Amino acid sequence: MRNTVKDDKFAGKLNPADKQKIEKAIDETIEWLDANQLAEVDESEDKLNELEGICNPIIAKMYQGEEGGDVPMGGGAEMPEGGGNGAGPKIEEMD
C-alpha cells in the first residue's frame, strides 16, 4: 500500500487529505509492528484489518470516481458460475 500511495499515477488521483490519512495509517501500523514484534498472529491480523478498514474505502471511492470504476482491487474477485473455464495460468505446488 505504501508503494502504491507513492506511485505518481495513483497518488495524482487521490484527494490530498485522503492520501495523508492513508500515509498516516501506514506509518502508525509500521510503528506498531516494530514495537510489537512478538505480538500474537491474531493481534497482527487485527492491525492489518484496521489498516484495510481505513484504506479500502478511500481506494474504492477513488476508483468509483473514474470512468468504468470497475477496477479490481483484489480480495473480492468472484468466480463465474461453473467455476470458470480454466483459461487462467496453471499453478503447480512445489515442495
PDB file of N, CA and C in Angstrom:
ATOM      1  N   MET A   1       0.844  -1.186   0.000  1.00  0.00           N
ATOM      2  CA  MET A   1       0.000   0.000   0.000  1.00  0.00           C
ATOM      3  C   MET A   1       0.884   1.242   0.000  1.00  0.00           C
ATOM      4  N   ARG A   2       1.949   1.187   0.765  1.00  0.00           N
ATOM      5  CA  ARG A   2       2.838   2.349   0.842  1.00  0.00           C
ATOM      6  C   ARG A   2       3.395   2.691  -0.537  1.00  0.00           C
ATOM      7  N   ASN A   3       3.851   1.680  -1.270  1.00  0.00           N
ATOM      8  CA  ASN A   3       4.401   1.927  -2.606  1.00  0.00           C
ATOM      9  C   ASN A   3       3.323   2.426  -3.560  1.00  0.00           C
ATOM     10  N   THR A   4       2.131   1.917  -3.419  1.00  0.00           N
ATOM     11  CA  THR A   4       1.030   2.342  -4.275  1.00  0.00           C
ATOM     12  C   THR A   4       0.725   3.814  -4.063  1.00  0.00           C
ATOM     13  N   VAL A   5       0.679   4.238  -2.818  1.00  0.00           N
ATOM     14  CA  VAL A   5       0.364   5.637  -2.496  1.00  0.00           C
ATOM     15  C   VAL A   5       1.464   6.567  -2.993  1.00  0.00           C
ATOM     16  N   LYS A   6       2.701   6.077  -3.038  1.00  0.00           N
ATOM     17  CA  LYS A   6       3.798   6.913  -3.501  1.00  0.00           C
ATOM     18  C   LYS A   6       3.931   6.925  -5.022  1.00  0.00           C
ATOM     19  N   ASP A   7       3.214   6.020  -5.708  1.00  0.00           N
ATOM     20  CA  ASP A   7       3.225   5.969  -7.161  1.00  0.00           C
ATOM     21  C   ASP A   7       2.526   7.218  -7.700  1.00  0.00           C
ATOM     22  N   ASP A   8       3.190   7.937  -8.596  1.00  0.00           N
ATOM     23  CA  ASP A   8       2.651   9.200  -9.111  1.00  0.00           C
ATOM     24  C   ASP A   8       1.316   9.028  -9.816  1.00  0.00           C
ATOM     25  N   LYS A   9       1.153   7.954 -10.577  1.00  0.00           N
ATOM     26  CA  LYS A   9      -0.107   7.732 -11.292  1.00  0.00           C
ATOM     27  C   LYS A   9      -1.262   7.558 -10.311  1.00  0.00           C
ATOM     28  N   PHE A  10      -1.015   6.833  -9.261  1.00  0.00           N
ATOM     29  CA  PHE A  10      -2.043   6.566  -8.259  1.00  0.00           C
ATOM     30  C   PHE A  10      -2.255   7.783  -7.368  1.00  0.00           C
ATOM     31  N   ALA A  11      -1.170   8.351  -6.872  1.00  0.00           N
ATOM     32  CA  ALA A  11      -1.249   9.475  -5.937  1.00  0.00           C
ATOM     33  C   ALA A  11      -1.931  10.689  -6.562  1.00  0.00           C
ATOM     34  N   GLY A  12      -1.765  10.877  -7.850  1.00  0.00           N
ATOM     35  CA  GLY A  12      -2.380  12.010  -8.521  1.00  0.00           C
ATOM     36  C   GLY A  12      -3.901  11.929  -8.551  1.00  0.00           C
ATOM     37  N   LYS A  13      -4.441  10.731  -8.374  1.00  0.00           N
ATOM     38  CA  LYS A  13      -5.891  10.537  -8.398  1.00  0.00           C
ATOM     39  C   LYS A  13      -6.505  10.651  -7.004  1.00  0.00           C
ATOM     40  N   LEU A  14      -5.668  10.624  -5.986  1.00  0.00           N
ATOM     41  CA  LEU A  14      -6.163  10.675  -4.615  1.00  0.00           C
ATOM     42  C   LEU A  14      -6.354  12.107  -4.140  1.00  0.00           C
ATOM     43  N   ASN A  15      -7.375  12.306  -3.363  1.00  0.00           N
ATOM     44  CA  ASN A  15      -7.583  13.568  -2.664  1.00  0.00           C
ATOM     45  C   ASN A  15      -6.397  13.722  -1.698  1.00  0.00           C
ATOM     46  N   PRO A  16      -5.753  14.890  -1.623  1.00  0.00           N
ATOM     47  CA  PRO A  16      -4.604  15.065  -0.738  1.00  0.00           C
ATOM     48  C   PRO A  16      -4.900  14.699   0.725  1.00  0.00           C
ATOM     49  N   ALA A  17      -6.092  15.013   1.195  1.00  0.00           N
ATOM     50  CA  ALA A  17      -6.435  14.673   2.583  1.00  0.00           C
ATOM     51  C   ALA A  17      -6.519  13.158   2.756  1.00  0.00           C
ATOM     52  N   ASP A  18      -7.069  12.468   1.757  1.00  0.00           N
ATOM     53  CA  ASP A  18      -7.154  11.014   1.821  1.00  0.00           C
ATOM     54  C   ASP A  18      -5.766  10.381   1.752  1.00  0.00           C
ATOM     55  N   LYS A  19      -4.915  10.933   0.899  1.00  0.00           N
ATOM     56  CA  LYS A  19      -3.548  10.425   0.784  1.00  0.00           C
ATOM     57  C   LYS A  19      -2.828  10.561   2.120  1.00  0.00           C
ATOM     58  N   GLN A  20      -3.000  11.700   2.748  1.00  0.00           N
ATOM     59  CA  GLN A  20      -2.361  11.930   4.047  1.00  0.00           C
ATOM     60  C   GLN A  20      -2.906  10.963   5.095  1.00  0.00           C
ATOM     61  N   LYS A  21      -4.207  10.711   5.053  1.00  0.00           N
ATOM     62  CA  LYS A  21      -4.829   9.790   6.006  1.00  0.00           C
ATOM     63  C   LYS A  21      -4.267   8.375   5.836  1.00  0.00           C
ATOM     64  N   ILE A  22      -4.113   7.929   4.577  1.00  0.00           N
ATOM     65  CA  ILE A  22      -3.561   6.601   4.310  1.00  0.00           C
ATOM     66  C   ILE A  22      -2.110   6.529   4.768  1.00  0.00           C
ATOM     67  N   GLU A  23      -1.325   7.538   4.426  1.00  0.00           N
ATOM     68  CA  GLU A  23       0.088   7.539   4.813  1.00  0.00           C
ATOM     69  C   GLU A  23       0.245   7.508   6.335  1.00  0.00           C
ATOM     70  N   LYS A  24      -0.598   8.263   7.033  1.00  0.00           N
ATOM     71  CA  LYS A  24      -0.549   8.274   8.495  1.00  0.00           C
ATOM     72  C   LYS A  24      -0.895   6.898   9.053  1.00  0.00           C
ATOM     73  N   ALA A  25      -1.930   6.260   8.508  1.00  0.00           N
ATOM     74  CA  ALA A  25      -2.334   4.934   8.972  1.00  0.00           C
ATOM     75  C   ALA A  25      -1.232   3.908   8.714  1.00  0.00           C
ATOM     76  N   ILE A  26      -0.583   3.990   7.562  1.00  0.00           N
ATOM     77  CA  ILE A  26       0.515   3.077   7.233  1.00  0.00           C
ATOM     78  C   ILE A  26       1.669   3.271   8.216  1.00  0.00           C
ATOM     79  N   ASP A  27       2.053   4.530   8.446  1.00  0.00           N
ATOM     80  CA  ASP A  27       3.152   4.818   9.374  1.00  0.00           C
ATOM     81  C   ASP A  27       2.845   4.317  10.779  1.00  0.00           C
ATOM     82  N   GLU A  28       1.614   4.538  11.239  1.00  0.00           N
ATOM     83  CA  GLU A  28       1.230   4.075  12.575  1.00  0.00           C
ATOM     84  C   GLU A  28       1.260   2.554  12.667  1.00  0.00           C
ATOM     85  N   THR A  29       0.826   1.889  11.613  1.00  0.00           N
ATOM     86  CA  THR A  29       0.829   0.431  11.609  1.00  0.00           C
ATOM     87  C   THR A  29       2.254  -0.105  11.619  1.00  0.00           C
ATOM     88  N   ILE A  30       3.129   0.485  10.837  1.00  0.00           N
ATOM     89  CA  ILE A  30       4.523   0.051  10.814  1.00  0.00           C
ATOM     90  C   ILE A  30       5.187   0.286  12.164  1.00  0.00           C
ATOM     91  N   GLU A  31       4.906   1.429  12.787  1.00  0.00           N
ATOM     92  CA  GLU A  31       5.447   1.697  14.121  1.00  0.00           C
ATOM     93  C   GLU A  31       4.955   0.650  15.122  1.00  0.00           C
ATOM     94  N   TRP A  32       3.662   0.303  15.022  1.00  0.00           N
ATOM     95  CA  TRP A  32       3.101  -0.703  15.921  1.00  0.00           C
ATOM     96  C   TRP A  32       3.788  -2.049  15.698  1.00  0.00           C
ATOM     97  N   LEU A  33       3.981  -2.425  14.438  1.00  0.00           N
ATOM     98  CA  LEU A  33       4.641  -3.696  14.134  1.00  0.00           C
ATOM     99  C   LEU A  33       6.074  -3.717  14.661  1.00  0.00           C
ATOM    100  N   ASP A  34       6.784  -2.600  14.512  1.00  0.00           N
ATOM    101  CA  ASP A  34       8.155  -2.521  15.026  1.00  0.00           C
ATOM    102  C   ASP A  34       8.197  -2.670  16.545  1.00  0.00           C
ATOM    103  N   ALA A  35       7.215  -2.076  17.213  1.00  0.00           N
ATOM    104  CA  ALA A  35       7.187  -2.105  18.677  1.00  0.00           C
ATOM    105  C   ALA A  35       6.603  -3.407  19.229  1.00  0.00           C
ATOM    106  N   ASN A  36       5.912  -4.160  18.391  1.00  0.00           N
ATOM    107  CA  ASN A  36       5.231  -5.375  18.846  1.00  0.00           C
ATOM    108  C   ASN A  36       5.625  -6.581  18.007  1.00  0.00           C
ATOM    109  N   GLN A  37       6.910  -6.782  17.839  1.00  0.00           N
ATOM    110  CA  GLN A  37       7.384  -7.871  17.002  1.00  0.00           C
ATOM    111  C   GLN A  37       7.025  -9.250  17.561  1.00  0.00           C
ATOM    112  N   LEU A  38       6.756  -9.327  18.835  1.00  0.00           N
ATOM    113  CA  LEU A  38       6.392 -10.606  19.445  1.00  0.00           C
ATOM    114  C   LEU A  38       4.888 -10.748  19.636  1.00  0.00           C
ATOM    115  N   ALA A  39       4.134  -9.912  18.968  1.00  0.00           N
ATOM    116  CA  ALA A  39       2.672  -9.956  19.084  1.00  0.00           C
ATOM    117  C   ALA A  39       2.138 -11.259  18.506  1.00  0.00           C
ATOM    118  N   GLU A  40       1.003 -11.669  19.008  1.00  0.00           N
ATOM    119  CA  GLU A  40       0.330 -12.860  18.505  1.00  0.00           C
ATOM    120  C   GLU A  40      -0.163 -12.602  17.084  1.00  0.00           C
ATOM    121  N   VAL A  41      -0.355 -13.669  16.341  1.00  0.00           N
ATOM    122  CA  VAL A  41      -0.832 -13.561  14.961  1.00  0.00           C
ATOM    123  C   VAL A  41      -2.170 -12.836  14.923  1.00  0.00           C
ATOM    124  N   ASP A  42      -3.056 -13.150  15.864  1.00  0.00           N
ATOM    125  CA  ASP A  42      -4.371 -12.504  15.896  1.00  0.00           C
ATOM    126  C   ASP A  42      -4.242 -10.990  16.043  1.00  0.00           C
ATOM    127  N   GLU A  43      -3.306 -10.548  16.869  1.00  0.00           N
ATOM    128  CA  GLU A  43      -3.114  -9.109  17.064  1.00  0.00           C
ATOM    129  C   GLU A  43      -2.620  -8.448  15.776  1.00  0.00           C
ATOM    130  N   SER A  44      -1.700  -9.114  15.091  1.00  0.00           N
ATOM    131  CA  SER A  44      -1.178  -8.577  13.836  1.00  0.00           C
ATOM    132  C   SER A  44      -2.268  -8.531  12.775  1.00  0.00           C
ATOM    133  N   GLU A  45      -3.086  -9.582  12.712  1.00  0.00           N
ATOM    134  CA  GLU A  45      -4.184  -9.599  11.748  1.00  0.00           C
ATOM    135  C   GLU A  45      -5.207  -8.505  12.055  1.00  0.00           C
ATOM    136  N   ASP A  46      -5.457  -8.257  13.344  1.00  0.00           N
ATOM    137  CA  ASP A  46      -6.370  -7.177  13.726  1.00  0.00           C
ATOM    138  C   ASP A  46      -5.830  -5.832  13.251  1.00  0.00           C
ATOM    139  N   LYS A  47      -4.521  -5.650  13.391  1.00  0.00           N
ATOM    140  CA  LYS A  47      -3.904  -4.394  12.957  1.00  0.00           C
ATOM    141  C   LYS A  47      -3.996  -4.251  11.438  1.00  0.00           C
ATOM    142  N   LEU A  48      -3.801  -5.355  10.712  1.00  0.00           N
ATOM    143  CA  LEU A  48      -3.936  -5.334   9.262  1.00  0.00           C
ATOM    144  C   LEU A  48      -5.371  -4.995   8.868  1.00  0.00           C
ATOM    145  N   ASN A  49      -6.332  -5.613   9.533  1.00  0.00           N
ATOM    146  CA  ASN A  49      -7.740  -5.330   9.240  1.00  0.00           C
ATOM    147  C   ASN A  49      -8.084  -3.874   9.524  1.00  0.00           C
ATOM    148  N   GLU A  50      -7.503  -3.330  10.563  1.00  0.00           N
ATOM    149  CA  GLU A  50      -7.712  -1.919  10.898  1.00  0.00           C
ATOM    150  C   GLU A  50      -7.174  -1.024   9.777  1.00  0.00           C
ATOM    151  N   LEU A  51      -5.988  -1.347   9.286  1.00  0.00           N
ATOM    152  CA  LEU A  51      -5.388  -0.572   8.192  1.00  0.00           C
ATOM    153  C   LEU A  51      -6.230  -0.689   6.926  1.00  0.00           C
ATOM    154  N   GLU A  52      -6.672  -1.909   6.618  1.00  0.00           N
ATOM    155  CA  GLU A  52      -7.515  -2.110   5.441  1.00  0.00           C
ATOM    156  C   GLU A  52      -8.840  -1.366   5.585  1.00  0.00           C
ATOM    157  N   GLY A  53      -9.360  -1.295   6.798  1.00  0.00           N
ATOM    158  CA  GLY A  53     -10.608  -0.581   7.041  1.00  0.00           C
ATOM    159  C   GLY A  53     -10.486   0.908   6.760  1.00  0.00           C
ATOM    160  N   ILE A  54      -9.288   1.432   6.892  1.00  0.00           N
ATOM    161  CA  ILE A  54      -9.037   2.842   6.590  1.00  0.00           C
ATOM    162  C   ILE A  54      -8.782   3.021   5.091  1.00  0.00           C
ATOM    163  N   CYS A  55      -7.953   2.168   4.527  1.00  0.00           N
ATOM    164  CA  CYS A  55      -7.507   2.339   3.137  1.00  0.00           C
ATOM    165  C   CYS A  55      -8.543   1.923   2.099  1.00  0.00           C
ATOM    166  N   ASN A  56      -9.174   0.787   2.290  1.00  0.00           N
ATOM    167  CA  ASN A  56     -10.062   0.251   1.255  1.00  0.00           C
ATOM    168  C   ASN A  56     -11.206   1.189   0.872  1.00  0.00           C
ATOM    169  N   PRO A  57     -11.900   1.821   1.818  1.00  0.00           N
ATOM    170  CA  PRO A  57     -12.976   2.743   1.404  1.00  0.00           C
ATOM    171  C   PRO A  57     -12.457   3.936   0.588  1.00  0.00           C
ATOM    172  N   ILE A  58     -11.285   4.407   0.922  1.00  0.00           N
ATOM    173  CA  ILE A  58     -10.709   5.542   0.191  1.00  0.00           C
ATOM    174  C   ILE A  58     -10.358   5.121  -1.225  1.00  0.00           C
ATOM    175  N   ILE A  59      -9.737   3.953  -1.372  1.00  0.00           N
ATOM    176  CA  ILE A  59      -9.360   3.457  -2.686  1.00  0.00           C
ATOM    177  C   ILE A  59     -10.611   3.168  -3.515  1.00  0.00           C
ATOM    178  N   ALA A  60     -11.614   2.558  -2.893  1.00  0.00           N
ATOM    179  CA  ALA A  60     -12.858   2.252  -3.600  1.00  0.00           C
ATOM    180  C   ALA A  60     -13.516   3.539  -4.093  1.00  0.00           C
ATOM    181  N   LYS A  61     -13.527   4.562  -3.245  1.00  0.00           N
ATOM    182  CA  LYS A  61     -14.124   5.846  -3.623  1.00  0.00           C
ATOM    183  C   LYS A  61     -13.365   6.454  -4.805  1.00  0.00           C
ATOM    184  N   MET A  62     -12.044   6.318  -4.800  1.00  0.00           N
ATOM    185  CA  MET A  62     -11.243   6.861  -5.881  1.00  0.00           C
ATOM    186  C   MET A  62     -11.577   6.155  -7.190  1.00  0.00           C
ATOM    187  N   TYR A  63     -11.658   4.824  -7.157  1.00  0.00           N
ATOM    188  CA  TYR A  63     -11.960   4.071  -8.373  1.00  0.00           C
ATOM    189  C   TYR A  63     -13.380   4.313  -8.853  1.00  0.00           C
ATOM    190  N   GLN A  64     -14.313   4.526  -7.965  1.00  0.00           N
ATOM    191  CA  GLN A  64     -15.689   4.796  -8.361  1.00  0.00           C
ATOM    192  C   GLN A  64     -15.798   6.131  -9.077  1.00  0.00           C
ATOM    193  N   GLY A  65     -14.901   7.041  -8.763  1.00  0.00           N
ATOM    194  CA  GLY A  65     -14.903   8.347  -9.401  1.00  0.00           C
ATOM    195  C   GLY A  65     -14.379   8.316 -10.819  1.00  0.00           C
ATOM    196  N   GLU A  66     -13.650   7.245 -11.189  1.00  0.00           N
ATOM    197  CA  GLU A  66     -13.116   7.123 -12.536  1.00  0.00           C
ATOM    198  C   GLU A  66     -14.171   6.540 -13.451  1.00  0.00           C
ATOM    199  N   GLU A  67     -14.014   6.791 -14.741  1.00  0.00           N
ATOM    200  CA  GLU A  67     -14.908   6.160 -15.710  1.00  0.00           C
ATOM    201  C   GLU A  67     -14.658   4.671 -15.669  1.00  0.00           C
ATOM    202  N   GLY A  68     -15.736   3.914 -15.768  1.00  0.00           N
ATOM    203  CA  GLY A  68     -15.605   2.457 -15.735  1.00  0.00           C
ATOM    204  C   GLY A  68     -15.028   1.993 -14.431  1.00  0.00           C
ATOM    205  N   GLY A  69     -15.457   2.560 -13.308  1.00  0.00           N
ATOM    206  CA  GLY A  69     -14.921   2.287 -11.993  1.00  0.00           C
ATOM    207  C   GLY A  69     -14.927   0.825 -11.632  1.00  0.00           C
ATOM    208  N   ASP A  70     -14.629  -0.004 -12.565  1.00  0.00           N
ATOM    209  CA  ASP A  70     -14.736  -1.439 -12.467  1.00  0.00           C
ATOM    210  C   ASP A  70     -13.358  -2.047 -12.277  1.00  0.00           C
ATOM    211  N   VAL A  71     -12.481  -1.367 -11.563  1.00  0.00           N
ATOM    212  CA  VAL A  71     -11.112  -1.816 -11.421  1.00  0.00           C
ATOM    213  C   VAL A  71     -11.025  -2.811 -10.272  1.00  0.00           C
ATOM    214  N   PRO A  72     -10.469  -3.995 -10.502  1.00  0.00           N
ATOM    215  CA  PRO A  72     -10.368  -4.980  -9.432  1.00  0.00           C
ATOM    216  C   PRO A  72      -9.385  -4.513  -8.373  1.00  0.00           C
ATOM    217  N   MET A  73      -9.752  -4.696  -7.118  1.00  0.00           N
ATOM    218  CA  MET A  73      -8.895  -4.268  -6.019  1.00  0.00           C
ATOM    219  C   MET A  73      -8.369  -5.451  -5.236  1.00  0.00           C
ATOM    220  N   GLY A  74      -8.605  -6.645  -5.685  1.00  0.00           N
ATOM    221  CA  GLY A  74      -8.104  -7.827  -5.012  1.00  0.00           C
ATOM    222  C   GLY A  74      -8.952  -8.190  -3.818  1.00  0.00           C
ATOM    223  N   GLY A  75      -8.891  -9.443  -3.451  1.00  0.00           N
ATOM    224  CA  GLY A  75      -9.602  -9.908  -2.278  1.00  0.00           C
ATOM    225  C   GLY A  75     -11.081 -10.097  -2.479  1.00  0.00           C
ATOM    226  N   GLY A  76     -11.682  -9.552  -3.506  1.00  0.00           N
ATOM    227  CA  GLY A  76     -13.113  -9.663  -3.675  1.00  0.00           C
ATOM    228  C   GLY A  76     -13.506 -10.208  -5.036  1.00  0.00           C
ATOM    229  N   ALA A  77     -12.570 -10.816  -5.721  1.00  0.00           N
ATOM    230  CA  ALA A  77     -12.878 -11.328  -7.053  1.00  0.00           C
ATOM    231  C   ALA A  77     -13.863 -12.479  -6.943  1.00  0.00           C
ATOM    232  N   GLU A  78     -14.836 -12.473  -7.838  1.00  0.00           N
ATOM    233  CA  GLU A  78     -15.832 -13.532  -7.834  1.00  0.00           C
ATOM    234  C   GLU A  78     -15.567 -14.463  -8.997  1.00  0.00           C
ATOM    235  N   MET A  79     -15.760 -15.750  -8.759  1.00  0.00           N
ATOM    236  CA  MET A  79     -15.622 -16.743  -9.823  1.00  0.00           C
ATOM    237  C   MET A  79     -16.915 -16.767 -10.620  1.00  0.00           C
ATOM    238  N   PRO A  80     -16.840 -16.890 -11.915  1.00  0.00           N
ATOM    239  CA  PRO A  80     -18.058 -17.042 -12.690  1.00  0.00           C
ATOM    240  C   PRO A  80     -18.731 -18.363 -12.333  1.00  0.00           C
ATOM    241  N   GLU A  81     -20.033 -18.421 -12.571  1.00  0.00           N
ATOM    242  CA  GLU A  81     -20.757 -19.647 -12.264  1.00  0.00           C
ATOM    243  C   GLU A  81     -20.127 -20.797 -13.018  1.00  0.00           C
ATOM    244  N   GLY A  82     -20.089 -21.952 -12.382  1.00  0.00           N
ATOM    245  CA  GLY A  82     -19.493 -23.112 -13.017  1.00  0.00           C
ATOM    246  C   GLY A  82     -17.993 -23.185 -12.789  1.00  0.00           C
ATOM    247  N   GLY A  83     -17.431 -22.251 -12.012  1.00  0.00           N
ATOM    248  CA  GLY A  83     -16.015 -22.302 -11.664  1.00  0.00           C
ATOM    249  C   GLY A  83     -15.073 -21.780 -12.722  1.00  0.00           C
ATOM    250  N   GLY A  84     -15.565 -21.151 -13.752  1.00  0.00           N
ATOM    251  CA  GLY A  84     -14.706 -20.592 -14.780  1.00  0.00           C
ATOM    252  C   GLY A  84     -14.363 -21.621 -15.832  1.00  0.00           C
ATOM    253  N   ASN A  85     -13.645 -21.188 -16.848  1.00  0.00           N
ATOM    254  CA  ASN A  85     -13.328 -22.093 -17.944  1.00  0.00           C
ATOM    255  C   ASN A  85     -11.909 -22.619 -17.890  1.00  0.00           C
ATOM    256  N   GLY A  86     -11.157 -22.275 -16.857  1.00  0.00           N
ATOM    257  CA  GLY A  86      -9.800 -22.776 -16.699  1.00  0.00           C
ATOM    258  C   GLY A  86      -8.803 -22.126 -17.650  1.00  0.00           C
ATOM    259  N   ALA A  87      -9.135 -20.947 -18.179  1.00  0.00           N
ATOM    260  CA  ALA A  87      -8.245 -20.289 -19.149  1.00  0.00           C
ATOM    261  C   ALA A  87      -7.114 -19.536 -18.470  1.00  0.00           C
ATOM    262  N   GLY A  88      -7.111 -19.482 -17.149  1.00  0.00           N
ATOM    263  CA  GLY A  88      -6.072 -18.750 -16.434  1.00  0.00           C
ATOM    264  C   GLY A  88      -4.785 -19.530 -16.351  1.00  0.00           C
ATOM    265  N   PRO A  89      -3.779 -18.950 -15.704  1.00  0.00           N
ATOM    266  CA  PRO A  89      -2.476 -19.628 -15.591  1.00  0.00           C
ATOM    267  C   PRO A  89      -2.598 -20.867 -14.712  1.00  0.00           C
ATOM    268  N   LYS A  90      -1.772 -21.829 -14.993  1.00  0.00           N
ATOM    269  CA  LYS A  90      -1.720 -23.053 -14.192  1.00  0.00           C
ATOM    270  C   LYS A  90      -0.686 -22.862 -13.092  1.00  0.00           C
ATOM    271  N   ILE A  91      -1.061 -23.191 -11.867  1.00  0.00           N
ATOM    272  CA  ILE A  91      -0.158 -23.060 -10.730  1.00  0.00           C
ATOM    273  C   ILE A  91       0.101 -24.448 -10.177  1.00  0.00           C
ATOM    274  N   GLU A  92       1.374 -24.815 -10.127  1.00  0.00           N
ATOM    275  CA  GLU A  92       1.730 -26.116  -9.587  1.00  0.00           C
ATOM    276  C   GLU A  92       2.357 -25.916  -8.224  1.00  0.00           C
ATOM    277  N   GLU A  93       1.978 -26.768  -7.308  1.00  0.00           N
ATOM    278  CA  GLU A  93       2.526 -26.696  -5.959  1.00  0.00           C
ATOM    279  C   GLU A  93       3.865 -27.389  -5.943  1.00  0.00           C
ATOM    280  N   MET A  94       4.846 -26.738  -5.319  1.00  0.00           N
ATOM    281  CA  MET A  94       6.197 -27.318  -5.255  1.00  0.00           C
ATOM    282  C   MET A  94       6.585 -27.498  -3.803  1.00  0.00           C
ATOM    283  N   ASP A  95       7.370 -28.531  -3.554  1.00  0.00           N
ATOM    284  CA  ASP A  95       7.837 -28.789  -2.183  1.00  0.00           C
ATOM    285  C   ASP A  95       9.096 -28.036  -1.906  1.00  0.00           C
TER     286      ASP A  95
END
